[in-house]
């Protein structure tokens, strides 16, 4: 009798688990990135802030687009100062490399849509710094959501 009880409970548990899993999978929610959606999870190097509007001040925080300077192949976004719980940061990168004739810094999303094939998003992350994206000849930009308001800096092409 004890074995039947365990089998029934195990079957009931499996049915509940399957129902909860199916409900969770079908329920829309906030998209959260995994490191697999980025290009580098542990890029080591010296990262420097990119200026010309690519890094910016926003609601008491300093949001930076940072390029790795040793190999000069990766970029990341960071809330450099003022990070608070609930803040989110991400980095966007064009899907294709950009023309060498493109301006180095620009704010027009349409340029990335037409020449860069749109963009992928590495994040948002609920931490002060994103993982890295491969950025050599791609357009990249840093973005943040602070107090439920999102803002992105200018696009920059790492050449």
C-alpha atoms as a PDB file:
ATOM      1  CA  UNK A   1       0.000   0.000   0.000  1.00  0.00           C
ATOM      2  CA  UNK A   2       2.870   2.374   0.787  1.00  0.00           C
ATOM      3  CA  UNK A   3       4.345   1.928  -2.706  1.00  0.00           C
ATOM      4  CA  UNK A   4       1.038   2.822  -4.399  1.00  0.00           C
ATOM      5  CA  UNK A   5       0.744   5.946  -2.266  1.00  0.00           C
ATOM      6  CA  UNK A   6       4.240   7.073  -3.287  1.00  0.00           C
ATOM      7  CA  UNK A   7       3.494   6.415  -6.970  1.00  0.00           C
ATOM      8  CA  UNK A   8       0.217   8.377  -6.771  1.00  0.00           C
ATOM      9  CA  UNK A   9       1.922  11.286  -5.016  1.00  0.00           C
ATOM     10  CA  UNK A  10       4.813  11.181  -7.468  1.00  0.00           C
ATOM     11  CA  UNK A  11       2.398  11.210 -10.414  1.00  0.00           C
ATOM     12  CA  UNK A  12       0.406  14.068  -8.893  1.00  0.00           C
ATOM     13  CA  UNK A  13       3.608  16.004  -8.219  1.00  0.00           C
ATOM     14  CA  UNK A  14       4.763  15.479 -11.822  1.00  0.00           C
ATOM     15  CA  UNK A  15       1.381  16.687 -13.148  1.00  0.00           C
ATOM     16  CA  UNK A  16       1.527  19.824 -10.978  1.00  0.00           C
ATOM     17  CA  UNK A  17       5.131  20.494 -11.977  1.00  0.00           C
ATOM     18  CA  UNK A  18       4.251  20.108 -15.662  1.00  0.00           C
ATOM     19  CA  UNK A  19       1.263  22.477 -15.285  1.00  0.00           C
ATOM     20  CA  UNK A  20       3.320  25.127 -13.499  1.00  0.00           C
ATOM     21  CA  UNK A  21       6.127  24.831 -16.046  1.00  0.00           C
ATOM     22  CA  UNK A  22       3.703  25.167 -18.977  1.00  0.00           C
ATOM     23  CA  UNK A  23       1.990  28.165 -17.347  1.00  0.00           C
ATOM     24  CA  UNK A  24       5.315  29.863 -16.641  1.00  0.00           C
ATOM     25  CA  UNK A  25       6.541  29.264 -20.188  1.00  0.00           C
ATOM     26  CA  UNK A  26       3.393  30.761 -21.686  1.00  0.00           C
ATOM     27  CA  UNK A  27       3.137  33.729 -19.337  1.00  0.00           C
ATOM     28  CA  UNK A  28       4.721  36.873 -20.785  1.00  0.00           C
ATOM     29  CA  UNK A  29       7.259  38.549 -18.559  1.00  0.00           C
ATOM     30  CA  UNK A  30      10.258  40.806 -18.554  1.00  0.00           C
ATOM     31  CA  UNK A  31      12.954  39.457 -20.840  1.00  0.00           C
ATOM     32  CA  UNK A  32      16.169  38.765 -19.000  1.00  0.00           C
ATOM     33  CA  UNK A  33      19.350  38.052 -20.874  1.00  0.00           C
ATOM     34  CA  UNK A  34      21.583  35.140 -20.229  1.00  0.00           C
ATOM     35  CA  UNK A  35      25.309  35.312 -20.821  1.00  0.00           C
ATOM     36  CA  UNK A  36      24.729  33.176 -23.949  1.00  0.00           C
ATOM     37  CA  UNK A  37      22.961  36.157 -25.576  1.00  0.00           C
ATOM     38  CA  UNK A  38      26.155  38.184 -25.231  1.00  0.00           C
ATOM     39  CA  UNK A  39      29.495  37.487 -26.898  1.00  0.00           C
ATOM     40  CA  UNK A  40      31.865  37.400 -23.927  1.00  0.00           C
ATOM     41  CA  UNK A  41      31.129  36.378 -20.360  1.00  0.00           C
ATOM     42  CA  UNK A  42      34.531  36.976 -18.802  1.00  0.00           C
ATOM     43  CA  UNK A  43      36.436  39.342 -21.061  1.00  0.00           C
ATOM     44  CA  UNK A  44      39.484  40.515 -19.180  1.00  0.00           C
ATOM     45  CA  UNK A  45      41.156  43.729 -20.143  1.00  0.00           C
ATOM     46  CA  UNK A  46      41.226  47.417 -19.552  1.00  0.00           C
ATOM     47  CA  UNK A  47      37.914  49.023 -20.407  1.00  0.00           C
ATOM     48  CA  UNK A  48      37.697  52.753 -21.094  1.00  0.00           C
ATOM     49  CA  UNK A  49      34.662  54.990 -21.363  1.00  0.00           C
ATOM     50  CA  UNK A  50      33.573  56.061 -24.838  1.00  0.00           C
ATOM     51  CA  UNK A  51      32.456  59.689 -24.875  1.00  0.00           C
ATOM     52  CA  UNK A  52      30.806  61.824 -27.628  1.00  0.00           C
ATOM     53  CA  UNK A  53      27.336  61.063 -26.254  1.00  0.00           C
ATOM     54  CA  UNK A  54      27.885  57.287 -26.053  1.00  0.00           C
ATOM     55  CA  UNK A  55      28.253  57.626 -22.243  1.00  0.00           C
ATOM     56  CA  UNK A  56      25.775  59.836 -20.420  1.00  0.00           C
ATOM     57  CA  UNK A  57      24.373  61.072 -17.104  1.00  0.00           C
ATOM     58  CA  UNK A  58      20.858  59.884 -16.296  1.00  0.00           C
ATOM     59  CA  UNK A  59      18.771  60.288 -13.114  1.00  0.00           C
ATOM     60  CA  UNK A  60      21.828  60.724 -10.898  1.00  0.00           C
ATOM     61  CA  UNK A  61      23.793  57.876 -12.488  1.00  0.00           C
ATOM     62  CA  UNK A  62      26.722  57.818 -14.883  1.00  0.00           C
ATOM     63  CA  UNK A  63      26.055  55.256 -17.633  1.00  0.00           C
ATOM     64  CA  UNK A  64      29.112  54.371 -19.696  1.00  0.00           C
ATOM     65  CA  UNK A  65      29.725  52.579 -22.941  1.00  0.00           C
ATOM     66  CA  UNK A  66      33.152  51.044 -22.436  1.00  0.00           C
ATOM     67  CA  UNK A  67      35.548  49.622 -25.030  1.00  0.00           C
ATOM     68  CA  UNK A  68      38.210  47.115 -24.097  1.00  0.00           C
ATOM     69  CA  UNK A  69      41.538  48.685 -24.997  1.00  0.00           C
ATOM     70  CA  UNK A  70      44.052  45.821 -25.012  1.00  0.00           C
ATOM     71  CA  UNK A  71      42.688  43.772 -27.930  1.00  0.00           C
ATOM     72  CA  UNK A  72      40.099  46.413 -28.870  1.00  0.00           C
ATOM     73  CA  UNK A  73      37.464  43.854 -29.809  1.00  0.00           C
ATOM     74  CA  UNK A  74      34.829  43.997 -27.041  1.00  0.00           C
ATOM     75  CA  UNK A  75      32.489  46.557 -25.469  1.00  0.00           C
ATOM     76  CA  UNK A  76      30.204  46.582 -22.422  1.00  0.00           C
ATOM     77  CA  UNK A  77      27.834  48.945 -20.599  1.00  0.00           C
ATOM     78  CA  UNK A  78      28.190  49.960 -16.979  1.00  0.00           C
ATOM     79  CA  UNK A  79      26.353  52.128 -14.475  1.00  0.00           C
ATOM     80  CA  UNK A  80      29.604  53.642 -13.235  1.00  0.00           C
ATOM     81  CA  UNK A  81      28.264  55.761 -10.366  1.00  0.00           C
ATOM     82  CA  UNK A  82      25.056  55.833  -8.361  1.00  0.00           C
ATOM     83  CA  UNK A  83      23.852  52.254  -9.021  1.00  0.00           C
ATOM     84  CA  UNK A  84      20.795  51.309  -6.937  1.00  0.00           C
ATOM     85  CA  UNK A  85      18.815  48.120  -6.575  1.00  0.00           C
ATOM     86  CA  UNK A  86      16.253  47.949  -9.393  1.00  0.00           C
ATOM     87  CA  UNK A  87      18.480  49.701 -11.943  1.00  0.00           C
ATOM     88  CA  UNK A  88      19.027  47.784 -15.185  1.00  0.00           C
ATOM     89  CA  UNK A  89      21.728  48.103 -17.816  1.00  0.00           C
ATOM     90  CA  UNK A  90      22.227  46.570 -21.255  1.00  0.00           C
ATOM     91  CA  UNK A  91      24.253  46.984 -24.416  1.00  0.00           C
ATOM     92  CA  UNK A  92      22.883  46.940 -27.970  1.00  0.00           C
ATOM     93  CA  UNK A  93      25.025  45.832 -30.928  1.00  0.00           C
ATOM     94  CA  UNK A  94      24.279  45.923 -34.655  1.00  0.00           C
ATOM     95  CA  UNK A  95      23.768  42.507 -36.250  1.00  0.00           C
ATOM     96  CA  UNK A  96      26.172  43.308 -39.101  1.00  0.00           C
ATOM     97  CA  UNK A  97      29.356  45.322 -39.323  1.00  0.00           C
ATOM     98  CA  UNK A  98      28.909  48.942 -40.307  1.00  0.00           C
ATOM     99  CA  UNK A  99      30.369  50.706 -43.327  1.00  0.00           C
ATOM    100  CA  UNK A 100      33.746  52.343 -42.828  1.00  0.00           C
ATOM    101  CA  UNK A 101      32.122  55.494 -44.258  1.00  0.00           C
ATOM    102  CA  UNK A 102      29.615  55.661 -41.389  1.00  0.00           C
ATOM    103  CA  UNK A 103      30.190  58.414 -38.846  1.00  0.00           C
ATOM    104  CA  UNK A 104      31.926  57.126 -35.711  1.00  0.00           C
ATOM    105  CA  UNK A 105      29.138  58.419 -33.403  1.00  0.00           C
ATOM    106  CA  UNK A 106      25.469  58.922 -34.231  1.00  0.00           C
ATOM    107  CA  UNK A 107      22.027  58.779 -32.611  1.00  0.00           C
ATOM    108  CA  UNK A 108      19.901  57.550 -35.547  1.00  0.00           C
ATOM    109  CA  UNK A 109      18.440  54.043 -34.989  1.00  0.00           C
ATOM    110  CA  UNK A 110      17.440  53.924 -38.680  1.00  0.00           C
ATOM    111  CA  UNK A 111      21.109  53.868 -39.714  1.00  0.00           C
ATOM    112  CA  UNK A 112      21.571  50.676 -37.665  1.00  0.00           C
ATOM    113  CA  UNK A 113      18.334  49.192 -38.993  1.00  0.00           C
ATOM    114  CA  UNK A 114      19.254  49.775 -42.634  1.00  0.00           C
ATOM    115  CA  UNK A 115      23.039  49.285 -42.700  1.00  0.00           C
ATOM    116  CA  UNK A 116      23.570  47.168 -39.612  1.00  0.00           C
ATOM    117  CA  UNK A 117      20.634  44.769 -40.047  1.00  0.00           C
ATOM    118  CA  UNK A 118      18.996  45.863 -36.810  1.00  0.00           C
ATOM    119  CA  UNK A 119      20.531  45.034 -33.454  1.00  0.00           C
ATOM    120  CA  UNK A 120      20.710  42.445 -30.721  1.00  0.00           C
ATOM    121  CA  UNK A 121      20.359  43.257 -27.048  1.00  0.00           C
ATOM    122  CA  UNK A 122      22.735  41.940 -24.391  1.00  0.00           C
ATOM    123  CA  UNK A 123      20.606  42.467 -21.279  1.00  0.00           C
ATOM    124  CA  UNK A 124      18.881  43.983 -19.448  1.00  0.00           C
ATOM    125  CA  UNK A 125      20.786  42.928 -16.365  1.00  0.00           C
ATOM    126  CA  UNK A 126      19.877  43.897 -12.800  1.00  0.00           C
ATOM    127  CA  UNK A 127      23.537  44.569 -12.016  1.00  0.00           C
ATOM    128  CA  UNK A 128      25.841  47.529 -12.576  1.00  0.00           C
ATOM    129  CA  UNK A 129      27.752  46.001 -15.536  1.00  0.00           C
ATOM    130  CA  UNK A 130      26.801  43.923 -18.576  1.00  0.00           C
ATOM    131  CA  UNK A 131      28.602  41.038 -20.169  1.00  0.00           C
ATOM    132  CA  UNK A 132      30.596  41.965 -23.287  1.00  0.00           C
ATOM    133  CA  UNK A 133      29.715  42.031 -26.978  1.00  0.00           C
ATOM    134  CA  UNK A 134      32.138  41.692 -29.876  1.00  0.00           C
ATOM    135  CA  UNK A 135      32.281  45.214 -31.257  1.00  0.00           C
ATOM    136  CA  UNK A 136      35.060  45.557 -33.850  1.00  0.00           C
ATOM    137  CA  UNK A 137      33.405  47.457 -36.759  1.00  0.00           C
ATOM    138  CA  UNK A 138      29.927  47.028 -35.215  1.00  0.00           C
ATOM    139  CA  UNK A 139      27.710  49.819 -33.869  1.00  0.00           C
ATOM    140  CA  UNK A 140      27.205  49.568 -30.091  1.00  0.00           C
ATOM    141  CA  UNK A 141      25.407  51.655 -27.481  1.00  0.00           C
ATOM    142  CA  UNK A 142      24.867  51.588 -23.721  1.00  0.00           C
ATOM    143  CA  UNK A 143      21.328  51.692 -22.309  1.00  0.00           C
ATOM    144  CA  UNK A 144      19.820  51.826 -18.831  1.00  0.00           C
ATOM    145  CA  UNK A 145      16.391  51.627 -17.197  1.00  0.00           C
ATOM    146  CA  UNK A 146      16.240  53.720 -14.047  1.00  0.00           C
ATOM    147  CA  UNK A 147      13.016  54.373 -12.130  1.00  0.00           C
ATOM    148  CA  UNK A 148      11.116  52.637 -14.989  1.00  0.00           C
ATOM    149  CA  UNK A 149      12.465  55.078 -17.590  1.00  0.00           C
ATOM    150  CA  UNK A 150      14.794  53.805 -20.324  1.00  0.00           C
ATOM    151  CA  UNK A 151      17.478  55.789 -22.096  1.00  0.00           C
ATOM    152  CA  UNK A 152      20.277  54.908 -24.506  1.00  0.00           C
ATOM    153  CA  UNK A 153      23.404  56.814 -25.460  1.00  0.00           C
ATOM    154  CA  UNK A 154      24.624  57.484 -28.965  1.00  0.00           C
ATOM    155  CA  UNK A 155      25.684  54.629 -31.189  1.00  0.00           C
ATOM    156  CA  UNK A 156      29.455  54.275 -31.535  1.00  0.00           C
ATOM    157  CA  UNK A 157      31.377  52.277 -34.118  1.00  0.00           C
ATOM    158  CA  UNK A 158      34.498  50.678 -32.705  1.00  0.00           C
ATOM    159  CA  UNK A 159      37.056  51.085 -35.516  1.00  0.00           C
END
